[in-house]
Amino acid sequence: HNTIANNAAPAATDGGGGISIFNGTVTVYNNIIANNTAAGGSTGLYEAGGTVTGSHNNIFGNTTNATLTDPIAGDPLFVNDASGDYHLEAGSPNRDTATAAFTSDVDFERQPRPFNGAADVGADEYYPAGVTCFARLNNGTADGEVFTNLQTAVDQAQIGDLIKIAGYCTGTGTEIVTVDKAITLQGGYQLTNWDPSERGQGSTILDGENSRRLIVVTADATVDSLHLTNGNAGTGAAVYVTVGDPLISNNVIYSNTATSGSAIASDPGTNVNVQFNTIVSNNGGGVNLPIGTVQNNIFYDNTGADTSGGLIASFNLGSTDPLFVDAPGGNYRLTAASPAIDFGDPNATVNTDFEGNPRPRGQRPDVGADEANDYPSASFNPANNTINIERGTSLNVPLSLINDGTLEGTWDITVDQVQGWPLSVPAQVTNLAVDAQANLGVVITAPLAATPLTPETVTFTATSQINPNVQSVSIVVFNIIPIRGVTATPTYSETLLPGEVITFTHTIENMGEFTDTFRIQILDDPFGWGTLYQANFTAEPDGEYDVEIASGAITETHVRI
């Protein structure tokens, strides 16, 4: 896949104005070697030694003495080689003629191969001028062909495939694309970069030009990370679902017009899952579904109802300015002060945003298509704790606040107590740097009157002054160490004649504050005369047994001598 053209070998050489090979084993595939000159010999590719093999090369305007198969004949038709433009013209014989066995993934400008068929011979992969929409198939293992028509890509896809979309896509019919199989449409790519880990460097826009619907879904498909704008239809101007249970996630849906469900609508019998979309400035309502789930979305500046129908809606931000970076300029990312930050369902299953960034970054996911790049976040260490304390004593509580966000900031500290024990805690942590940790210096005192039945529970809350919606919580439970106690009565002293047998009964009472386990033992019996019995007169020949006694309860034990 090289283009080697218009070079001249020095006069003293035998040939090879383009390439000279003297030894070794060289394979030559899918190259253009054109219009090179030399004083003698083969003017394009000169085999002076070694072994040369290859095929599918366009050798034009110069010669070769190497044995190469399946040549590409004719003028390569560069756009303007005189001025150094070696892009291929539309009629070049090198288009779609490369052997796939020796092709590369990208051309010299990192544009993907193949485009619209087989790969092109030479350094350049031909892309027509003025084309702005690109769709690339991915079967879950590798990227494949690139198309300039989104519908063609969908038609070529198999169930389970991913269609990566880059650029700006429009259409000519009643909709831009119909998705009729269980595949994923995903935006955020660039023509020169199809790496999913680098998504979001450019927006992928589907524009209905106020003349058509954008997407019709008739299967269990996924529509992800697209900018959907200027759709126009009776209902479902951006996305209209007629069949299936699709997932619509991480899209920015704006400036669409319909009589109802201008962003998303569906027919009866479908069950649409609408998650983490930014739905703004649409005319004719937001989402209209007879049944479905609408969660973790931003609704703002839409005319008509944000949601309607029999859907289930939760964790959506509506009627509140989301504080975008620059909505008029098309930048719907969140500022650090956005109320959408940390507003999402903590149990949400969508784990990336429209740029491929992980969710959540803070304590909870952000709602809408964007997971903010700059955000306040902090966490308590430990997050929760249980501590035992003696009544009438004070204790330094191990509790610190860690800044695990991206911004330095001040955090207000508030507490909520069940019992109201004396507590010392700072009102705020000021200017906490990123990745820094501040010990709060909390001190608590357990009153003398406290009992194990009245533990103290303290809820500590840290609230960001940058964004009051961002909070961290730690719950600490303080348990009173219970008092243990036991009595054994009475004490006996008897005088017996040899051969007599006597049984002593002792009462054991749990004087402690909780149910406890006691070990009953004969500790001292020099002559071995005693036998220990449980309350039910079960003999214990080993001289010991364990018994559980509730607080304030009694049991008996017997000793027979």
Protein backbone atom coordinates (compact mmCIF):
# COMPACT_ATOMS: atom_id res chain seq x y z
CA HIS A 1 0.00 0.00 0.00
CA ASN A 2 2.65 2.50 -1.03
CA THR A 3 2.47 5.11 -3.73
CA ILE A 4 5.97 5.65 -5.15
CA ALA A 5 5.96 8.08 -8.05
CA ASN A 6 8.06 10.62 -9.97
CA ASN A 7 11.44 9.64 -8.54
CA ALA A 8 14.73 9.49 -10.49
CA ALA A 9 17.58 7.09 -9.79
CA PRO A 10 21.13 8.51 -9.92
CA ALA A 11 22.81 8.14 -13.32
CA ALA A 12 25.45 5.76 -11.96
CA THR A 13 22.88 3.12 -10.96
CA ASP A 14 21.59 0.33 -13.15
CA GLY A 15 17.90 1.00 -12.53
CA GLY A 16 15.19 1.22 -9.91
CA GLY A 17 13.94 4.78 -10.00
CA GLY A 18 11.25 3.69 -7.52
CA ILE A 19 12.66 0.64 -5.70
CA SER A 20 15.92 -1.28 -5.95
CA ILE A 21 16.24 -4.69 -4.30
CA PHE A 22 19.66 -6.31 -3.85
CA ASN A 23 19.16 -9.23 -1.45
CA GLY A 24 16.75 -10.89 0.94
CA THR A 25 13.16 -11.97 0.39
CA VAL A 26 10.82 -9.12 -0.47
CA THR A 27 7.03 -9.21 -0.91
CA VAL A 28 5.40 -6.46 -2.95
CA TYR A 29 1.60 -6.13 -2.77
CA ASN A 30 -1.00 -3.42 -3.46
CA ASN A 31 1.46 -0.67 -4.48
CA ILE A 32 1.42 2.04 -7.12
CA ILE A 33 4.86 2.48 -8.72
CA ALA A 34 4.47 5.14 -11.37
CA ASN A 35 6.50 7.48 -13.57
CA ASN A 36 9.87 6.79 -11.98
CA THR A 37 13.03 7.04 -14.09
CA ALA A 38 16.52 5.56 -14.19
CA ALA A 39 19.49 5.69 -16.61
CA GLY A 40 19.09 2.02 -17.47
CA GLY A 41 17.57 -1.27 -16.45
CA SER A 42 14.14 -1.47 -14.87
CA THR A 43 13.08 2.09 -14.20
CA GLY A 44 10.31 1.42 -11.64
CA LEU A 45 11.15 -1.65 -9.55
CA TYR A 46 14.58 -3.19 -10.15
CA GLU A 47 15.37 -6.68 -8.87
CA ALA A 48 19.16 -6.75 -8.69
CA GLY A 49 19.25 -9.71 -6.30
CA GLY A 50 17.31 -11.60 -3.68
CA THR A 51 13.83 -12.98 -4.20
CA VAL A 52 10.87 -10.76 -5.08
CA THR A 53 7.25 -11.93 -5.08
CA GLY A 54 3.94 -10.10 -5.05
CA SER A 55 0.73 -9.18 -6.82
CA HIS A 56 -1.90 -6.51 -7.39
CA ASN A 57 0.53 -3.69 -8.13
CA ASN A 58 -0.07 -0.81 -10.53
CA ILE A 59 3.25 -0.30 -12.34
CA PHE A 60 2.69 2.53 -14.80
CA GLY A 61 5.06 4.75 -16.76
CA ASN A 62 8.07 2.72 -15.67
CA THR A 63 9.20 -0.91 -15.80
CA THR A 64 10.14 -3.85 -13.59
CA ASN A 65 12.13 -7.01 -14.09
CA ALA A 66 10.50 -8.74 -11.11
CA THR A 67 7.93 -11.47 -11.63
CA LEU A 68 4.72 -10.07 -10.15
CA THR A 69 1.22 -11.47 -10.72
CA ASP A 70 -2.24 -9.93 -11.18
CA PRO A 71 -1.03 -6.47 -12.21
CA ILE A 72 -3.32 -3.44 -12.20
CA ALA A 73 -3.20 -1.89 -15.64
CA GLY A 74 -3.56 1.73 -16.64
CA ASP A 75 -2.84 5.25 -15.49
CA PRO A 76 -3.34 5.46 -11.68
CA LEU A 77 -5.17 8.77 -12.19
CA PHE A 78 -3.81 10.89 -9.38
CA VAL A 79 -5.71 14.07 -8.57
CA ASN A 80 -2.67 16.25 -9.37
CA ASP A 81 0.69 14.56 -9.09
CA ALA A 82 2.41 17.60 -10.58
CA SER A 83 1.57 19.51 -7.40
CA GLY A 84 2.11 16.54 -5.11
CA ASP A 85 -1.52 15.46 -4.70
CA TYR A 86 -1.45 11.68 -5.01
CA HIS A 87 -5.03 11.06 -3.97
CA LEU A 88 -6.93 8.83 -6.39
CA GLU A 89 -9.54 10.17 -8.76
CA ALA A 90 -12.94 8.50 -8.90
CA GLY A 91 -12.06 6.66 -12.11
CA SER A 92 -8.73 5.26 -10.96
CA PRO A 93 -8.17 1.58 -11.87
CA ASN A 94 -6.74 1.13 -8.37
CA ARG A 95 -10.10 1.49 -6.66
CA ASP A 96 -11.40 -1.71 -5.01
CA THR A 97 -8.63 -3.84 -6.60
CA ALA A 98 -6.29 -4.66 -3.69
CA THR A 99 -5.82 -8.21 -2.50
CA ALA A 100 -7.35 -8.57 0.96
CA ALA A 101 -4.61 -10.99 2.00
CA PHE A 102 -2.07 -8.17 2.22
CA THR A 103 -4.13 -5.08 3.01
CA SER A 104 -3.83 -2.55 5.85
CA ASP A 105 -6.55 -1.20 8.13
CA VAL A 106 -6.01 2.47 7.28
CA ASP A 107 -4.51 4.56 4.50
CA PHE A 108 -1.81 7.22 4.76
CA GLU A 109 -4.32 9.69 6.26
CA ARG A 110 -5.62 7.08 8.71
CA GLN A 111 -8.85 6.79 6.76
CA PRO A 112 -10.14 3.23 7.14
CA ARG A 113 -9.87 0.45 4.59
CA PRO A 114 -11.87 -0.89 2.89
CA PHE A 115 -14.32 1.80 1.81
CA ASN A 116 -17.50 0.72 0.03
CA GLY A 117 -16.08 -2.57 -1.24
CA ALA A 118 -12.52 -3.89 -1.45
CA ALA A 119 -9.48 -1.83 -0.45
CA ASP A 120 -7.74 0.40 -3.00
CA VAL A 121 -4.21 -0.16 -4.30
CA GLY A 122 -1.65 2.44 -3.22
CA ALA A 123 -1.31 4.70 -0.19
CA ASP A 124 -4.69 6.39 -0.60
CA GLU A 125 -8.14 4.93 0.04
CA TYR A 126 -10.54 6.83 -2.19
CA TYR A 127 -13.34 8.73 -0.47
CA PRO A 128 -15.61 10.91 -2.61
CA ALA A 129 -15.47 14.65 -2.04
CA GLY A 130 -18.34 16.18 -0.10
CA VAL A 131 -19.32 12.97 1.70
CA THR A 132 -19.86 13.63 5.41
CA CYS A 133 -21.53 10.48 6.75
CA PHE A 134 -19.59 7.30 7.42
CA ALA A 135 -20.80 4.02 8.91
CA ARG A 136 -18.46 1.12 9.69
CA LEU A 137 -19.46 -2.43 10.48
CA ASN A 138 -18.01 -4.23 13.49
CA ASN A 139 -18.87 -7.87 14.16
CA GLY A 140 -17.68 -7.78 17.75
CA THR A 141 -14.20 -8.92 16.78
CA ALA A 142 -12.93 -6.54 14.11
CA ASP A 143 -13.89 -3.42 12.17
CA GLY A 144 -15.00 -4.00 8.60
CA GLU A 145 -16.18 -2.07 5.60
CA VAL A 146 -17.02 1.65 5.63
CA PHE A 147 -20.18 2.96 3.94
CA THR A 148 -21.36 6.48 3.21
CA ASN A 149 -25.00 5.48 3.50
CA LEU A 150 -26.26 4.53 6.94
CA GLN A 151 -29.10 2.43 5.56
CA THR A 152 -26.65 0.40 3.46
CA ALA A 153 -24.62 -0.36 6.57
CA VAL A 154 -27.75 -1.51 8.43
CA ASP A 155 -28.78 -3.70 5.50
CA GLN A 156 -25.33 -5.34 5.44
CA ALA A 157 -25.19 -5.90 9.21
CA GLN A 158 -25.92 -9.16 10.98
CA ILE A 159 -27.78 -9.58 14.28
CA GLY A 160 -25.50 -8.55 17.13
CA ASP A 161 -23.27 -6.32 14.99
CA LEU A 162 -22.17 -2.83 15.97
CA ILE A 163 -22.39 -0.01 13.43
CA LYS A 164 -19.93 2.75 14.26
CA ILE A 165 -21.01 6.11 12.87
CA ALA A 166 -18.93 9.22 12.21
CA GLY A 167 -19.72 12.62 10.78
CA TYR A 168 -22.91 14.35 9.69
CA CYS A 169 -25.72 12.24 8.23
CA THR A 170 -28.85 13.35 6.39
CA GLY A 171 -31.28 11.59 4.09
CA THR A 172 -33.69 11.98 1.19
CA GLY A 173 -36.70 9.83 2.08
CA THR A 174 -39.23 9.85 4.90
CA GLU A 175 -36.53 8.82 7.38
CA ILE A 176 -32.74 8.67 7.44
CA VAL A 177 -32.56 5.01 8.48
CA THR A 178 -34.77 2.07 9.44
CA VAL A 179 -33.22 -0.36 11.91
CA ASP A 180 -34.88 -3.73 11.37
CA LYS A 181 -32.60 -6.09 13.30
CA ALA A 182 -31.08 -6.41 16.77
CA ILE A 183 -27.94 -4.36 16.18
CA THR A 184 -26.36 -1.30 17.79
CA LEU A 185 -25.99 2.12 16.18
CA GLN A 186 -23.29 4.05 18.04
CA GLY A 187 -21.89 7.50 17.38
CA GLY A 188 -18.95 9.53 18.61
CA TYR A 189 -16.38 8.23 16.11
CA GLN A 190 -14.23 10.02 13.53
CA LEU A 191 -13.34 8.94 10.02
CA THR A 192 -9.69 8.72 11.05
CA ASN A 193 -10.29 7.18 14.48
CA TRP A 194 -12.61 4.23 15.13
CA ASP A 195 -11.12 3.34 18.51
CA PRO A 196 -14.00 2.95 21.02
CA SER A 197 -11.73 4.10 23.86
CA GLU A 198 -11.34 7.48 22.11
CA ARG A 199 -14.97 8.09 21.23
CA GLY A 200 -16.40 11.57 21.63
CA GLN A 201 -13.68 13.58 19.89
CA GLY A 202 -16.37 14.59 17.43
CA SER A 203 -20.17 14.53 17.48
CA THR A 204 -22.10 12.19 15.21
CA ILE A 205 -25.13 14.13 13.97
CA LEU A 206 -28.25 12.80 12.28
CA ASP A 207 -30.06 15.82 10.81
CA GLY A 208 -33.58 15.51 9.41
CA GLU A 209 -33.37 19.02 7.93
CA ASN A 210 -36.92 19.59 9.26
CA SER A 211 -38.14 17.38 6.42
CA ARG A 212 -38.13 13.81 7.71
CA ARG A 213 -38.01 11.50 10.68
CA LEU A 214 -34.52 10.42 11.77
CA ILE A 215 -34.74 6.77 12.89
CA VAL A 216 -37.42 4.10 12.65
CA VAL A 217 -36.82 1.05 14.86
CA THR A 218 -38.54 -2.28 14.18
CA ALA A 219 -36.39 -4.62 16.32
CA ASP A 220 -34.65 -5.01 19.69
CA ALA A 221 -31.94 -2.58 18.63
CA THR A 222 -29.78 -0.08 20.54
CA VAL A 223 -29.42 3.57 19.52
CA ASP A 224 -26.49 5.07 21.38
CA SER A 225 -24.41 8.27 21.54
CA LEU A 226 -25.91 10.18 18.60
CA HIS A 227 -26.92 13.81 18.18
CA LEU A 228 -30.47 13.65 16.79
CA THR A 229 -31.79 16.95 15.50
CA ASN A 230 -34.25 18.63 13.14
CA GLY A 231 -36.51 15.62 12.75
CA ASN A 232 -40.04 16.37 11.63
CA ALA A 233 -42.93 13.90 11.74
CA GLY A 234 -46.41 13.45 13.14
CA THR A 235 -44.99 11.53 16.11
CA GLY A 236 -41.54 10.28 17.07
CA ALA A 237 -39.64 12.80 14.97
CA ALA A 238 -36.22 11.69 16.24
CA VAL A 239 -36.89 8.01 17.05
CA TYR A 240 -40.06 6.11 16.25
CA VAL A 241 -40.40 2.51 17.45
CA THR A 242 -43.02 0.36 15.73
CA VAL A 243 -41.84 -3.12 16.81
CA GLY A 244 -39.46 -4.43 19.47
CA ASP A 245 -37.99 -3.54 22.85
CA PRO A 246 -35.05 -1.26 22.00
CA LEU A 247 -32.66 0.68 24.22
CA ILE A 248 -32.28 4.39 23.45
CA SER A 249 -29.32 5.68 25.47
CA ASN A 250 -26.73 8.46 25.68
CA ASN A 251 -28.20 10.52 22.87
CA VAL A 252 -28.53 14.30 22.62
CA ILE A 253 -31.99 14.87 21.12
CA TYR A 254 -32.82 18.47 20.29
CA SER A 255 -34.84 20.73 17.96
CA ASN A 256 -37.22 18.04 16.69
CA THR A 257 -40.87 18.71 15.85
CA ALA A 258 -43.95 16.48 16.16
CA THR A 259 -47.49 16.63 17.47
CA SER A 260 -46.51 14.22 20.28
CA GLY A 261 -43.32 12.49 21.35
CA SER A 262 -41.12 14.74 19.26
CA ALA A 263 -38.00 13.05 20.68
CA ILE A 264 -39.13 9.43 21.06
CA ALA A 265 -42.45 7.70 20.49
CA SER A 266 -43.61 4.12 20.05
CA ASP A 267 -46.56 2.00 18.99
CA PRO A 268 -48.53 -0.32 21.29
CA GLY A 269 -46.87 -3.69 21.83
CA THR A 270 -43.39 -2.21 22.19
CA ASN A 271 -41.42 -1.74 25.41
CA VAL A 272 -38.81 0.99 24.98
CA ASN A 273 -36.03 1.66 27.50
CA VAL A 274 -34.99 5.33 27.41
CA GLN A 275 -31.85 5.90 29.52
CA PHE A 276 -29.37 8.75 29.99
CA ASN A 277 -30.48 10.98 27.12
CA THR A 278 -30.37 14.77 26.93
CA ILE A 279 -33.73 15.82 25.49
CA VAL A 280 -33.95 19.59 25.02
CA SER A 281 -35.67 22.26 22.94
CA ASN A 282 -38.06 19.93 21.11
CA ASN A 283 -41.50 20.98 19.89
CA GLY A 284 -44.40 18.67 20.62
CA GLY A 285 -43.50 16.94 23.87
CA GLY A 286 -40.53 14.80 24.76
CA VAL A 287 -41.18 11.05 25.09
CA ASN A 288 -44.53 9.36 24.43
CA LEU A 289 -44.69 5.61 25.09
CA PRO A 290 -47.70 3.36 25.74
CA ILE A 291 -45.38 1.29 27.94
CA GLY A 292 -41.69 1.63 28.70
CA THR A 293 -39.05 2.94 31.08
CA VAL A 294 -37.71 6.48 31.08
CA GLN A 295 -34.87 7.00 33.57
CA ASN A 296 -31.82 9.20 34.12
CA ASN A 297 -32.67 11.68 31.37
CA ILE A 298 -32.51 15.47 31.15
CA PHE A 299 -35.67 17.20 29.92
CA TYR A 300 -35.40 20.93 29.39
CA ASP A 301 -37.01 23.65 27.29
CA ASN A 302 -39.39 21.29 25.48
CA THR A 303 -42.88 22.39 24.49
CA GLY A 304 -45.55 19.99 25.68
CA ALA A 305 -45.19 17.28 28.29
CA ASP A 306 -41.73 15.85 28.89
CA THR A 307 -43.20 12.36 29.24
CA SER A 308 -46.62 10.93 28.43
CA GLY A 309 -48.33 7.56 28.03
CA GLY A 310 -48.11 4.51 30.27
CA LEU A 311 -44.38 4.67 30.83
CA ILE A 312 -42.50 4.45 34.13
CA ALA A 313 -40.38 7.55 34.77
CA SER A 314 -37.78 8.06 37.52
CA PHE A 315 -34.49 9.83 38.21
CA ASN A 316 -35.13 12.34 35.42
CA LEU A 317 -34.15 16.01 35.67
CA GLY A 318 -36.93 18.22 34.35
CA SER A 319 -37.86 21.90 34.41
CA THR A 320 -34.46 22.83 35.83
CA ASP A 321 -31.66 24.50 33.88
CA PRO A 322 -29.05 21.73 33.43
CA LEU A 323 -26.28 24.33 33.10
CA PHE A 324 -24.73 23.03 29.89
CA VAL A 325 -21.30 24.23 28.81
CA ASP A 326 -22.66 25.92 25.64
CA ALA A 327 -26.03 24.69 24.43
CA PRO A 328 -26.39 27.38 21.71
CA GLY A 329 -23.02 26.26 20.37
CA GLY A 330 -24.05 22.60 20.44
CA ASN A 331 -22.01 21.68 23.53
CA TYR A 332 -24.37 19.77 25.81
CA ARG A 333 -21.71 18.67 28.27
CA LEU A 334 -22.34 19.45 31.95
CA THR A 335 -20.63 22.20 33.91
CA ALA A 336 -19.37 21.39 37.40
CA ALA A 337 -22.36 23.20 38.94
CA SER A 338 -24.99 21.29 36.94
CA PRO A 339 -27.87 19.85 38.98
CA ALA A 340 -27.66 16.79 36.72
CA ILE A 341 -24.42 15.70 38.39
CA ASP A 342 -24.88 12.78 40.82
CA PHE A 343 -28.64 12.88 40.18
CA GLY A 344 -28.94 9.44 38.57
CA ASP A 345 -30.08 6.05 39.78
CA PRO A 346 -27.20 4.47 41.74
CA ASN A 347 -28.30 1.07 40.39
CA ALA A 348 -28.27 2.10 36.73
CA THR A 349 -26.80 -0.45 34.31
CA VAL A 350 -25.60 1.90 31.52
CA ASN A 351 -21.91 2.23 32.40
CA THR A 352 -20.59 4.74 29.82
CA ASP A 353 -21.69 8.13 28.52
CA PHE A 354 -21.98 9.44 24.95
CA GLU A 355 -18.19 9.89 24.76
CA GLY A 356 -17.39 6.47 26.17
CA ASN A 357 -16.47 7.89 29.58
CA PRO A 358 -17.21 5.58 32.52
CA ARG A 359 -20.32 5.97 34.68
CA PRO A 360 -20.40 6.86 37.49
CA ARG A 361 -17.43 9.11 38.12
CA GLY A 362 -18.71 10.53 41.39
CA GLN A 363 -20.91 9.00 44.07
CA ARG A 364 -23.77 8.43 41.62
CA PRO A 365 -24.11 8.69 37.83
CA ASP A 366 -24.96 12.00 36.20
CA VAL A 367 -28.25 12.12 34.29
CA GLY A 368 -28.35 12.95 30.61
CA ALA A 369 -25.98 11.90 27.83
CA ASP A 370 -22.85 13.34 29.47
CA GLU A 371 -20.93 12.18 32.53
CA ALA A 372 -19.19 15.43 33.51
CA ASN A 373 -15.45 15.73 32.91
CA ASP A 374 -14.97 18.33 35.68
CA TYR A 375 -16.89 17.52 38.82
CA PRO A 376 -16.74 17.77 42.62
CA SER A 377 -16.78 14.49 44.51
CA ALA A 378 -15.75 13.35 47.97
CA SER A 379 -16.12 10.22 50.05
CA PHE A 380 -15.90 9.49 53.75
CA ASN A 381 -13.36 7.02 55.06
CA PRO A 382 -14.77 4.78 56.37
CA ALA A 383 -18.04 5.01 54.47
CA ASN A 384 -19.88 3.41 57.41
CA ASN A 385 -18.74 2.14 60.79
CA THR A 386 -19.87 0.52 64.04
CA ILE A 387 -17.98 1.46 67.21
CA ASN A 388 -18.29 0.16 70.79
CA ILE A 389 -17.94 2.71 73.59
CA GLU A 390 -18.05 2.68 77.39
CA ARG A 391 -20.78 4.82 78.96
CA GLY A 392 -19.47 7.99 80.51
CA THR A 393 -16.41 8.15 78.21
CA SER A 394 -15.33 10.23 75.22
CA LEU A 395 -13.91 8.80 71.99
CA ASN A 396 -11.97 10.18 69.02
CA VAL A 397 -13.90 8.91 66.00
CA PRO A 398 -11.77 7.77 63.03
CA LEU A 399 -13.40 9.64 60.15
CA SER A 400 -11.84 11.53 57.24
CA LEU A 401 -13.01 13.09 53.96
CA ILE A 402 -11.25 12.29 50.68
CA ASN A 403 -11.50 14.47 47.55
CA ASP A 404 -11.95 11.92 44.77
CA GLY A 405 -13.27 14.41 42.22
CA THR A 406 -11.41 16.60 39.73
CA LEU A 407 -11.85 19.99 41.45
CA GLU A 408 -10.48 21.51 44.65
CA GLY A 409 -13.30 22.73 46.85
CA THR A 410 -14.90 23.37 50.22
CA TRP A 411 -17.34 20.90 51.77
CA ASP A 412 -19.98 21.71 54.40
CA ILE A 413 -20.32 19.06 57.13
CA THR A 414 -23.71 18.41 58.76
CA VAL A 415 -24.84 15.68 61.16
CA ASP A 416 -28.08 13.99 62.12
CA GLN A 417 -28.28 12.12 65.46
CA VAL A 418 -30.81 9.68 66.90
CA GLN A 419 -29.96 10.09 70.63
CA GLY A 420 -28.25 13.47 70.61
CA TRP A 421 -25.07 12.49 72.47
CA PRO A 422 -22.51 15.29 72.87
CA LEU A 423 -20.60 15.51 69.58
CA SER A 424 -17.79 17.72 68.28
CA VAL A 425 -17.47 17.98 64.47
CA PRO A 426 -16.16 20.75 62.14
CA ALA A 427 -18.70 22.79 60.19
CA GLN A 428 -16.72 22.46 56.95
CA VAL A 429 -13.57 21.25 55.28
CA THR A 430 -12.07 24.12 53.31
CA ASN A 431 -10.10 24.02 50.06
CA LEU A 432 -9.72 20.27 49.98
CA ALA A 433 -7.30 19.52 47.15
CA VAL A 434 -7.82 16.75 44.60
CA ASP A 435 -6.80 13.37 46.05
CA ALA A 436 -6.23 14.98 49.47
CA GLN A 437 -7.63 13.53 52.71
CA ALA A 438 -8.71 15.57 55.75
CA ASN A 439 -9.17 14.08 59.22
CA LEU A 440 -12.38 15.55 60.65
CA GLY A 441 -11.33 15.26 64.31
CA VAL A 442 -14.75 14.04 65.47
CA VAL A 443 -15.18 13.47 69.24
CA ILE A 444 -18.27 11.86 70.80
CA THR A 445 -19.21 11.37 74.48
CA ALA A 446 -21.44 8.54 75.69
CA PRO A 447 -23.66 9.69 78.59
CA LEU A 448 -23.63 7.73 81.86
CA ALA A 449 -27.34 7.08 81.43
CA ALA A 450 -26.89 5.43 78.04
CA THR A 451 -27.69 1.72 77.78
CA PRO A 452 -27.16 -1.00 75.19
CA LEU A 453 -30.81 -0.55 74.26
CA THR A 454 -30.24 3.08 73.26
CA PRO A 455 -27.32 3.16 70.80
CA GLU A 456 -26.42 6.40 69.03
CA THR A 457 -26.57 6.61 65.24
CA VAL A 458 -24.87 9.60 63.61
CA THR A 459 -25.28 10.40 59.91
CA PHE A 460 -22.47 12.60 58.61
CA THR A 461 -23.14 14.46 55.34
CA ALA A 462 -20.57 16.38 53.28
CA THR A 463 -22.07 18.82 50.74
CA SER A 464 -20.06 20.46 47.96
CA GLN A 465 -20.12 24.25 47.84
CA ILE A 466 -19.41 24.01 44.09
CA ASN A 467 -22.52 21.90 43.52
CA PRO A 468 -24.95 21.40 46.44
CA ASN A 469 -26.44 18.40 44.65
CA VAL A 470 -23.19 16.51 45.27
CA GLN A 471 -23.06 14.88 48.68
CA SER A 472 -21.31 12.08 50.52
CA VAL A 473 -22.76 10.25 53.52
CA SER A 474 -21.25 8.17 56.31
CA ILE A 475 -23.35 6.43 58.98
CA VAL A 476 -21.64 5.57 62.26
CA VAL A 477 -23.39 3.51 64.95
CA PHE A 478 -22.11 3.77 68.55
CA ASN A 479 -23.01 0.79 70.75
CA ILE A 480 -22.73 0.93 74.54
CA ILE A 481 -20.50 -1.85 75.83
CA PRO A 482 -22.91 -3.86 78.01
CA ILE A 483 -22.29 -4.72 81.68
CA ARG A 484 -21.78 -8.43 82.42
CA GLY A 485 -22.75 -9.96 85.78
CA VAL A 486 -23.69 -13.27 87.41
CA THR A 487 -24.52 -14.62 90.89
CA ALA A 488 -24.49 -18.18 92.18
CA THR A 489 -26.37 -18.86 95.45
CA PRO A 490 -26.41 -20.19 98.09
CA THR A 491 -23.10 -21.33 99.54
CA TYR A 492 -23.26 -24.66 101.43
CA SER A 493 -21.19 -26.17 104.29
CA GLU A 494 -22.21 -29.65 105.50
CA THR A 495 -20.81 -32.46 107.70
CA LEU A 496 -21.59 -36.01 106.53
CA LEU A 497 -20.91 -39.55 107.62
CA PRO A 498 -19.03 -41.91 105.34
CA GLY A 499 -21.38 -43.45 102.73
CA GLU A 500 -23.96 -40.67 102.88
CA VAL A 501 -25.11 -38.93 99.61
CA ILE A 502 -26.26 -35.32 99.42
CA THR A 503 -27.29 -33.08 96.51
CA PHE A 504 -26.76 -29.32 96.61
CA THR A 505 -28.83 -27.05 94.31
CA HIS A 506 -27.42 -23.66 93.29
CA THR A 507 -29.32 -20.84 91.60
CA ILE A 508 -27.46 -19.03 88.76
CA GLU A 509 -28.79 -15.56 87.84
CA ASN A 510 -27.64 -13.44 84.87
CA MET A 511 -27.17 -9.95 86.37
CA GLY A 512 -25.84 -8.50 83.09
CA GLU A 513 -27.57 -6.36 80.45
CA PHE A 514 -27.83 -8.96 77.71
CA THR A 515 -28.27 -12.66 77.08
CA ASP A 516 -24.98 -14.32 77.89
CA THR A 517 -23.40 -17.77 77.92
CA PHE A 518 -21.94 -19.10 81.17
CA ARG A 519 -19.66 -22.07 81.83
CA ILE A 520 -20.61 -24.07 84.96
CA GLN A 521 -17.62 -25.97 86.38
CA ILE A 522 -16.40 -27.88 89.45
CA LEU A 523 -13.05 -26.16 89.81
CA ASP A 524 -11.76 -27.83 92.99
CA ASP A 525 -12.59 -31.38 94.13
CA PRO A 526 -9.44 -32.94 95.74
CA PHE A 527 -10.96 -36.39 96.32
CA GLY A 528 -13.23 -36.52 93.26
CA TRP A 529 -16.40 -37.01 95.32
CA GLY A 530 -18.56 -34.48 93.37
CA THR A 531 -20.71 -35.02 90.25
CA LEU A 532 -22.15 -32.05 88.33
CA TYR A 533 -25.71 -32.09 87.02
CA GLN A 534 -27.60 -29.69 84.76
CA ALA A 535 -30.93 -28.22 85.86
CA ASN A 536 -32.74 -31.26 84.44
CA PHE A 537 -30.37 -33.59 86.35
CA THR A 538 -28.41 -34.59 83.28
CA ALA A 539 -25.03 -35.71 84.63
CA GLU A 540 -21.86 -34.00 83.37
CA PRO A 541 -19.03 -36.49 84.10
CA ASP A 542 -16.41 -34.02 82.82
CA GLY A 543 -17.41 -31.59 85.53
CA GLU A 544 -18.47 -28.68 83.26
CA TYR A 545 -21.11 -27.49 80.80
CA ASP A 546 -22.26 -24.25 79.10
CA VAL A 547 -25.65 -22.64 79.55
CA GLU A 548 -27.24 -19.56 77.93
CA ILE A 549 -29.20 -17.29 80.28
CA ALA A 550 -31.20 -14.22 79.32
CA SER A 551 -30.63 -10.94 81.14
CA GLY A 552 -32.32 -11.12 84.59
CA ALA A 553 -33.18 -14.81 84.17
CA ILE A 554 -32.14 -17.71 86.43
CA THR A 555 -31.32 -21.39 86.08
CA GLU A 556 -30.29 -24.16 88.47
CA THR A 557 -27.30 -26.46 88.67
CA HIS A 558 -26.79 -29.45 91.00
CA VAL A 559 -23.77 -31.01 92.70
CA ARG A 560 -24.14 -34.51 94.16
CA ILE A 561 -21.54 -35.67 96.74
